[in-house]
């Protein structure tokens, strides 16, 4: 979608914006939805990373033999 949007901007002197507004709206909507989806995936992965870090810390705290193997 971003490449289509860029192509529409680059060739904008060859057409009227009124003629292609449905395509511009569709591409803009797709770009916005992809941005929202990427923000969701990033926040989800960060939460999971913190959850796994807490799990590793709990394992290190509760198990003396693993504490030597897991450093940090």
PDB file of N, CA and C in Angstrom:
ATOM      1  N   UNK A   1       0.806  -1.221   0.000  1.00  0.00           N
ATOM      2  CA  UNK A   1       0.000   0.000   0.000  1.00  0.00           C
ATOM      3  C   UNK A   1       0.841   1.275   0.000  1.00  0.00           C
ATOM      4  N   UNK A   2       1.949   1.251   0.717  1.00  0.00           N
ATOM      5  CA  UNK A   2       2.782   2.443   0.765  1.00  0.00           C
ATOM      6  C   UNK A   2       3.413   2.734  -0.587  1.00  0.00           C
ATOM      7  N   UNK A   3       3.802   1.708  -1.322  1.00  0.00           N
ATOM      8  CA  UNK A   3       4.385   1.925  -2.642  1.00  0.00           C
ATOM      9  C   UNK A   3       3.342   2.436  -3.625  1.00  0.00           C
ATOM     10  N   UNK A   4       2.115   1.973  -3.515  1.00  0.00           N
ATOM     11  CA  UNK A   4       1.042   2.484  -4.376  1.00  0.00           C
ATOM     12  C   UNK A   4       0.780   3.943  -4.054  1.00  0.00           C
ATOM     13  N   UNK A   5       0.766   4.258  -2.774  1.00  0.00           N
ATOM     14  CA  UNK A   5       0.559   5.637  -2.350  1.00  0.00           C
ATOM     15  C   UNK A   5       1.675   6.539  -2.881  1.00  0.00           C
ATOM     16  N   UNK A   6       2.913   6.059  -2.821  1.00  0.00           N
ATOM     17  CA  UNK A   6       4.048   6.829  -3.337  1.00  0.00           C
ATOM     18  C   UNK A   6       3.942   7.022  -4.846  1.00  0.00           C
ATOM     19  N   UNK A   7       3.520   5.978  -5.549  1.00  0.00           N
ATOM     20  CA  UNK A   7       3.358   6.091  -7.000  1.00  0.00           C
ATOM     21  C   UNK A   7       2.256   7.090  -7.351  1.00  0.00           C
ATOM     22  N   UNK A   8       1.192   7.094  -6.580  1.00  0.00           N
ATOM     23  CA  UNK A   8       0.110   8.055  -6.839  1.00  0.00           C
ATOM     24  C   UNK A   8       0.585   9.484  -6.597  1.00  0.00           C
ATOM     25  N   UNK A   9       1.391   9.684  -5.591  1.00  0.00           N
ATOM     26  CA  UNK A   9       1.917  11.020  -5.318  1.00  0.00           C
ATOM     27  C   UNK A   9       2.899  11.434  -6.408  1.00  0.00           C
ATOM     28  N   UNK A  10       3.744  10.500  -6.845  1.00  0.00           N
ATOM     29  CA  UNK A  10       4.745  10.821  -7.863  1.00  0.00           C
ATOM     30  C   UNK A  10       4.116  11.152  -9.204  1.00  0.00           C
ATOM     31  N   UNK A  11       2.995  10.539  -9.508  1.00  0.00           N
ATOM     32  CA  UNK A  11       2.333  10.780 -10.803  1.00  0.00           C
ATOM     33  C   UNK A  11       1.142  11.727 -10.670  1.00  0.00           C
ATOM     34  N   UNK A  12       1.072  12.470  -9.594  1.00  0.00           N
ATOM     35  CA  UNK A  12      -0.112  13.295  -9.339  1.00  0.00           C
ATOM     36  C   UNK A  12      -0.309  14.423 -10.350  1.00  0.00           C
ATOM     37  N   UNK A  13       0.721  14.801 -11.075  1.00  0.00           N
ATOM     38  CA  UNK A  13       0.540  15.869 -12.060  1.00  0.00           C
ATOM     39  C   UNK A  13      -0.152  15.365 -13.326  1.00  0.00           C
ATOM     40  N   UNK A  14      -0.317  14.064 -13.486  1.00  0.00           N
ATOM     41  CA  UNK A  14      -0.938  13.498 -14.680  1.00  0.00           C
ATOM     42  C   UNK A  14      -2.420  13.166 -14.499  1.00  0.00           C
ATOM     43  N   UNK A  15      -2.971  13.413 -13.335  1.00  0.00           N
ATOM     44  CA  UNK A  15      -4.390  13.128 -13.106  1.00  0.00           C
ATOM     45  C   UNK A  15      -4.948  14.133 -12.112  1.00  0.00           C
ATOM     46  N   UNK A  16      -6.237  14.136 -11.990  1.00  0.00           N
ATOM     47  CA  UNK A  16      -6.934  14.980 -11.014  1.00  0.00           C
ATOM     48  C   UNK A  16      -7.219  14.137  -9.767  1.00  0.00           C
ATOM     49  N   UNK A  17      -6.992  14.723  -8.618  1.00  0.00           N
ATOM     50  CA  UNK A  17      -7.214  14.002  -7.354  1.00  0.00           C
ATOM     51  C   UNK A  17      -8.674  13.591  -7.189  1.00  0.00           C
ATOM     52  N   UNK A  18      -9.572  14.364  -7.760  1.00  0.00           N
ATOM     53  CA  UNK A  18     -11.000  14.049  -7.672  1.00  0.00           C
ATOM     54  C   UNK A  18     -11.302  12.741  -8.391  1.00  0.00           C
ATOM     55  N   UNK A  19     -10.545  12.444  -9.447  1.00  0.00           N
ATOM     56  CA  UNK A  19     -10.797  11.229 -10.227  1.00  0.00           C
ATOM     57  C   UNK A  19     -10.337   9.962  -9.511  1.00  0.00           C
ATOM     58  N   UNK A  20      -9.344  10.065  -8.674  1.00  0.00           N
ATOM     59  CA  UNK A  20      -8.792   8.869  -8.023  1.00  0.00           C
ATOM     60  C   UNK A  20      -8.980   8.870  -6.510  1.00  0.00           C
ATOM     61  N   UNK A  21      -9.889   9.672  -6.001  1.00  0.00           N
ATOM     62  CA  UNK A  21     -10.063   9.746  -4.550  1.00  0.00           C
ATOM     63  C   UNK A  21     -10.457   8.408  -3.925  1.00  0.00           C
ATOM     64  N   UNK A  22     -11.242   7.544  -4.595  1.00  0.00           N
ATOM     65  CA  UNK A  22     -11.522   6.246  -3.946  1.00  0.00           C
ATOM     66  C   UNK A  22     -10.248   5.414  -3.745  1.00  0.00           C
ATOM     67  N   UNK A  23      -9.356   5.443  -4.733  1.00  0.00           N
ATOM     68  CA  UNK A  23      -8.110   4.709  -4.593  1.00  0.00           C
ATOM     69  C   UNK A  23      -7.236   5.320  -3.507  1.00  0.00           C
ATOM     70  N   UNK A  24      -7.172   6.638  -3.453  1.00  0.00           N
ATOM     71  CA  UNK A  24      -6.401   7.303  -2.399  1.00  0.00           C
ATOM     72  C   UNK A  24      -6.961   6.977  -1.009  1.00  0.00           C
ATOM     73  N   UNK A  25      -8.272   6.972  -0.897  1.00  0.00           N
ATOM     74  CA  UNK A  25      -8.897   6.659   0.387  1.00  0.00           C
ATOM     75  C   UNK A  25      -8.631   5.211   0.790  1.00  0.00           C
ATOM     76  N   UNK A  26      -8.728   4.298  -0.163  1.00  0.00           N
ATOM     77  CA  UNK A  26      -8.480   2.894   0.127  1.00  0.00           C
ATOM     78  C   UNK A  26      -7.036   2.661   0.552  1.00  0.00           C
ATOM     79  N   UNK A  27      -6.101   3.243  -0.176  1.00  0.00           N
ATOM     80  CA  UNK A  27      -4.695   3.071   0.156  1.00  0.00           C
ATOM     81  C   UNK A  27      -4.379   3.713   1.508  1.00  0.00           C
ATOM     82  N   UNK A  28      -4.941   4.866   1.778  1.00  0.00           N
ATOM     83  CA  UNK A  28      -4.729   5.518   3.072  1.00  0.00           C
ATOM     84  C   UNK A  28      -5.297   4.672   4.206  1.00  0.00           C
ATOM     85  N   UNK A  29      -6.460   4.108   4.009  1.00  0.00           N
ATOM     86  CA  UNK A  29      -7.072   3.246   5.020  1.00  0.00           C
ATOM     87  C   UNK A  29      -6.223   1.999   5.265  1.00  0.00           C
ATOM     88  N   UNK A  30      -5.690   1.424   4.206  1.00  0.00           N
ATOM     89  CA  UNK A  30      -4.822   0.253   4.360  1.00  0.00           C
ATOM     90  C   UNK A  30      -3.544   0.615   5.101  1.00  0.00           C
ATOM     91  N   UNK A  31      -2.960   1.771   4.795  1.00  0.00           N
ATOM     92  CA  UNK A  31      -1.750   2.201   5.497  1.00  0.00           C
ATOM     93  C   UNK A  31      -2.018   2.416   6.980  1.00  0.00           C
ATOM     94  N   UNK A  32      -3.110   3.054   7.295  1.00  0.00           N
ATOM     95  CA  UNK A  32      -3.454   3.296   8.695  1.00  0.00           C
ATOM     96  C   UNK A  32      -3.693   1.976   9.434  1.00  0.00           C
ATOM     97  N   UNK A  33      -4.386   1.046   8.781  1.00  0.00           N
ATOM     98  CA  UNK A  33      -4.635  -0.241   9.435  1.00  0.00           C
ATOM     99  C   UNK A  33      -3.339  -1.021   9.624  1.00  0.00           C
ATOM    100  N   UNK A  34      -2.406  -0.941   8.689  1.00  0.00           N
ATOM    101  CA  UNK A  34      -1.120  -1.615   8.859  1.00  0.00           C
ATOM    102  C   UNK A  34      -0.300  -0.984   9.981  1.00  0.00           C
ATOM    103  N   UNK A  35      -0.376   0.312  10.129  1.00  0.00           N
ATOM    104  CA  UNK A  35       0.321   0.986  11.224  1.00  0.00           C
ATOM    105  C   UNK A  35      -0.259   0.548  12.567  1.00  0.00           C
ATOM    106  N   UNK A  36      -1.568   0.498  12.659  1.00  0.00           N
ATOM    107  CA  UNK A  36      -2.220   0.071  13.901  1.00  0.00           C
ATOM    108  C   UNK A  36      -1.846  -1.378  14.226  1.00  0.00           C
ATOM    109  N   UNK A  37      -1.835  -2.238  13.216  1.00  0.00           N
ATOM    110  CA  UNK A  37      -1.475  -3.642  13.420  1.00  0.00           C
ATOM    111  C   UNK A  37      -0.026  -3.781  13.868  1.00  0.00           C
ATOM    112  N   UNK A  38       0.865  -2.988  13.300  1.00  0.00           N
ATOM    113  CA  UNK A  38       2.275  -3.072  13.696  1.00  0.00           C
ATOM    114  C   UNK A  38       2.482  -2.580  15.126  1.00  0.00           C
ATOM    115  N   UNK A  39       1.766  -1.534  15.523  1.00  0.00           N
ATOM    116  CA  UNK A  39       1.859  -1.064  16.912  1.00  0.00           C
ATOM    117  C   UNK A  39       1.348  -2.137  17.870  1.00  0.00           C
ATOM    118  N   UNK A  40       0.280  -2.810  17.491  1.00  0.00           N
ATOM    119  CA  UNK A  40      -0.243  -3.902  18.309  1.00  0.00           C
ATOM    120  C   UNK A  40       0.789  -5.013  18.463  1.00  0.00           C
ATOM    121  N   UNK A  41       1.413  -5.411  17.361  1.00  0.00           N
ATOM    122  CA  UNK A  41       2.402  -6.487  17.423  1.00  0.00           C
ATOM    123  C   UNK A  41       3.613  -6.098  18.257  1.00  0.00           C
ATOM    124  N   UNK A  42       4.048  -4.862  18.150  1.00  0.00           N
ATOM    125  CA  UNK A  42       5.197  -4.403  18.924  1.00  0.00           C
ATOM    126  C   UNK A  42       4.878  -4.406  20.415  1.00  0.00           C
ATOM    127  N   UNK A  43       3.731  -3.862  20.797  1.00  0.00           N
ATOM    128  CA  UNK A  43       3.375  -3.836  22.222  1.00  0.00           C
ATOM    129  C   UNK A  43       3.173  -5.248  22.763  1.00  0.00           C
ATOM    130  N   UNK A  44       2.580  -6.116  21.973  1.00  0.00           N
ATOM    131  CA  UNK A  44       2.387  -7.506  22.397  1.00  0.00           C
ATOM    132  C   UNK A  44       3.721  -8.201  22.620  1.00  0.00           C
ATOM    133  N   UNK A  45       4.668  -8.000  21.720  1.00  0.00           N
ATOM    134  CA  UNK A  45       5.967  -8.653  21.874  1.00  0.00           C
ATOM    135  C   UNK A  45       6.730  -8.090  23.070  1.00  0.00           C
ATOM    136  N   UNK A  46       6.621  -6.789  23.320  1.00  0.00           N
ATOM    137  CA  UNK A  46       7.288  -6.206  24.480  1.00  0.00           C
ATOM    138  C   UNK A  46       6.715  -6.756  25.780  1.00  0.00           C
ATOM    139  N   UNK A  47       5.399  -6.902  25.842  1.00  0.00           N
ATOM    140  CA  UNK A  47       4.778  -7.475  27.041  1.00  0.00           C
ATOM    141  C   UNK A  47       5.246  -8.905  27.274  1.00  0.00           C
ATOM    142  N   UNK A  48       5.314  -9.676  26.198  1.00  0.00           N
ATOM    143  CA  UNK A  48       5.758 -11.059  26.341  1.00  0.00           C
ATOM    144  C   UNK A  48       7.224 -11.131  26.753  1.00  0.00           C
ATOM    145  N   UNK A  49       8.055 -10.252  26.224  1.00  0.00           N
ATOM    146  CA  UNK A  49       9.459 -10.238  26.634  1.00  0.00           C
ATOM    147  C   UNK A  49       9.588  -9.971  28.122  1.00  0.00           C
ATOM    148  N   UNK A  50       8.824  -9.015  28.626  1.00  0.00           N
ATOM    149  CA  UNK A  50       8.862  -8.714  30.061  1.00  0.00           C
ATOM    150  C   UNK A  50       8.339  -9.888  30.882  1.00  0.00           C
ATOM    151  N   UNK A  51       7.326 -10.556  30.368  1.00  0.00           N
ATOM    152  CA  UNK A  51       6.783 -11.719  31.070  1.00  0.00           C
ATOM    153  C   UNK A  51       7.833 -12.827  31.150  1.00  0.00           C
ATOM    154  N   UNK A  52       8.527 -13.081  30.047  1.00  0.00           N
ATOM    155  CA  UNK A  52       9.565 -14.115  30.063  1.00  0.00           C
ATOM    156  C   UNK A  52      10.740 -13.711  30.953  1.00  0.00           C
ATOM    157  N   UNK A  53      11.073 -12.437  30.982  1.00  0.00           N
ATOM    158  CA  UNK A  53      12.131 -11.979  31.881  1.00  0.00           C
ATOM    159  C   UNK A  53      11.755 -12.226  33.340  1.00  0.00           C
ATOM    160  N   UNK A  54      10.498 -11.957  33.687  1.00  0.00           N
ATOM    161  CA  UNK A  54      10.042 -12.222  35.046  1.00  0.00           C
ATOM    162  C   UNK A  54      10.067 -13.708  35.366  1.00  0.00           C
ATOM    163  N   UNK A  55       9.690 -14.540  34.390  1.00  0.00           N
ATOM    164  CA  UNK A  55       9.715 -15.985  34.606  1.00  0.00           C
ATOM    165  C   UNK A  55      11.142 -16.480  34.831  1.00  0.00           C
ATOM    166  N   UNK A  56      12.084 -15.976  34.076  1.00  0.00           N
ATOM    167  CA  UNK A  56      13.488 -16.360  34.247  1.00  0.00           C
ATOM    168  C   UNK A  56      14.004 -15.901  35.609  1.00  0.00           C
ATOM    169  N   UNK A  57      13.622 -14.697  36.008  1.00  0.00           N
ATOM    170  CA  UNK A  57      14.041 -14.201  37.323  1.00  0.00           C
ATOM    171  C   UNK A  57      13.467 -15.066  38.439  1.00  0.00           C
ATOM    172  N   UNK A  58      12.219 -15.487  38.299  1.00  0.00           N
ATOM    173  CA  UNK A  58      11.619 -16.365  39.310  1.00  0.00           C
ATOM    174  C   UNK A  58      12.328 -17.714  39.366  1.00  0.00           C
ATOM    175  N   UNK A  59      12.657 -18.249  38.213  1.00  0.00           N
ATOM    176  CA  UNK A  59      13.371 -19.534  38.174  1.00  0.00           C
ATOM    177  C   UNK A  59      14.732 -19.397  38.836  1.00  0.00           C
ATOM    178  N   UNK A  60      15.435 -18.323  38.526  1.00  0.00           N
ATOM    179  CA  UNK A  60      16.748 -18.103  39.143  1.00  0.00           C
ATOM    180  C   UNK A  60      16.625 -17.941  40.652  1.00  0.00           C
ATOM    181  N   UNK A  61      15.593 -17.272  41.101  1.00  0.00           N
ATOM    182  CA  UNK A  61      15.418 -17.033  42.526  1.00  0.00           C
ATOM    183  C   UNK A  61      15.074 -18.323  43.276  1.00  0.00           C
ATOM    184  N   UNK A  62      14.258 -19.164  42.649  1.00  0.00           N
ATOM    185  CA  UNK A  62      13.767 -20.364  43.328  1.00  0.00           C
ATOM    186  C   UNK A  62      14.681 -21.575  43.202  1.00  0.00           C
ATOM    187  N   UNK A  63      15.594 -21.591  42.267  1.00  0.00           N
ATOM    188  CA  UNK A  63      16.409 -22.769  42.038  1.00  0.00           C
ATOM    189  C   UNK A  63      17.889 -22.405  42.132  1.00  0.00           C
ATOM    190  N   UNK A  64      18.544 -22.913  43.147  1.00  0.00           N
ATOM    191  CA  UNK A  64      19.954 -22.585  43.388  1.00  0.00           C
ATOM    192  C   UNK A  64      20.870 -23.124  42.291  1.00  0.00           C
ATOM    193  N   UNK A  65      20.606 -24.334  41.800  1.00  0.00           N
ATOM    194  CA  UNK A  65      21.499 -24.933  40.804  1.00  0.00           C
ATOM    195  C   UNK A  65      21.404 -24.220  39.460  1.00  0.00           C
ATOM    196  N   UNK A  66      20.230 -23.729  39.119  1.00  0.00           N
ATOM    197  CA  UNK A  66      20.078 -23.002  37.855  1.00  0.00           C
ATOM    198  C   UNK A  66      20.628 -21.583  37.943  1.00  0.00           C
ATOM    199  N   UNK A  67      20.725 -21.057  39.137  1.00  0.00           N
ATOM    200  CA  UNK A  67      21.231 -19.704  39.316  1.00  0.00           C
ATOM    201  C   UNK A  67      22.657 -19.572  38.773  1.00  0.00           C
ATOM    202  N   UNK A  68      23.437 -20.654  38.909  1.00  0.00           N
ATOM    203  CA  UNK A  68      24.820 -20.637  38.398  1.00  0.00           C
ATOM    204  C   UNK A  68      24.844 -20.683  36.873  1.00  0.00           C
ATOM    205  N   UNK A  69      23.880 -21.369  36.283  1.00  0.00           N
ATOM    206  CA  UNK A  69      23.857 -21.526  34.824  1.00  0.00           C
ATOM    207  C   UNK A  69      23.309 -20.296  34.098  1.00  0.00           C
ATOM    208  N   UNK A  70      22.335 -19.647  34.696  1.00  0.00           N
ATOM    209  CA  UNK A  70      21.700 -18.475  34.077  1.00  0.00           C
ATOM    210  C   UNK A  70      22.342 -17.230  34.690  1.00  0.00           C
ATOM    211  N   UNK A  71      23.145 -16.574  33.933  1.00  0.00           N
ATOM    212  CA  UNK A  71      23.851 -15.386  34.442  1.00  0.00           C
ATOM    213  C   UNK A  71      23.199 -14.129  33.899  1.00  0.00           C
ATOM    214  N   UNK A  72      23.279 -13.085  34.678  1.00  0.00           N
ATOM    215  CA  UNK A  72      22.876 -11.727  34.298  1.00  0.00           C
ATOM    216  C   UNK A  72      22.420 -10.955  35.493  1.00  0.00           C
TER     217      UNK A  72
END
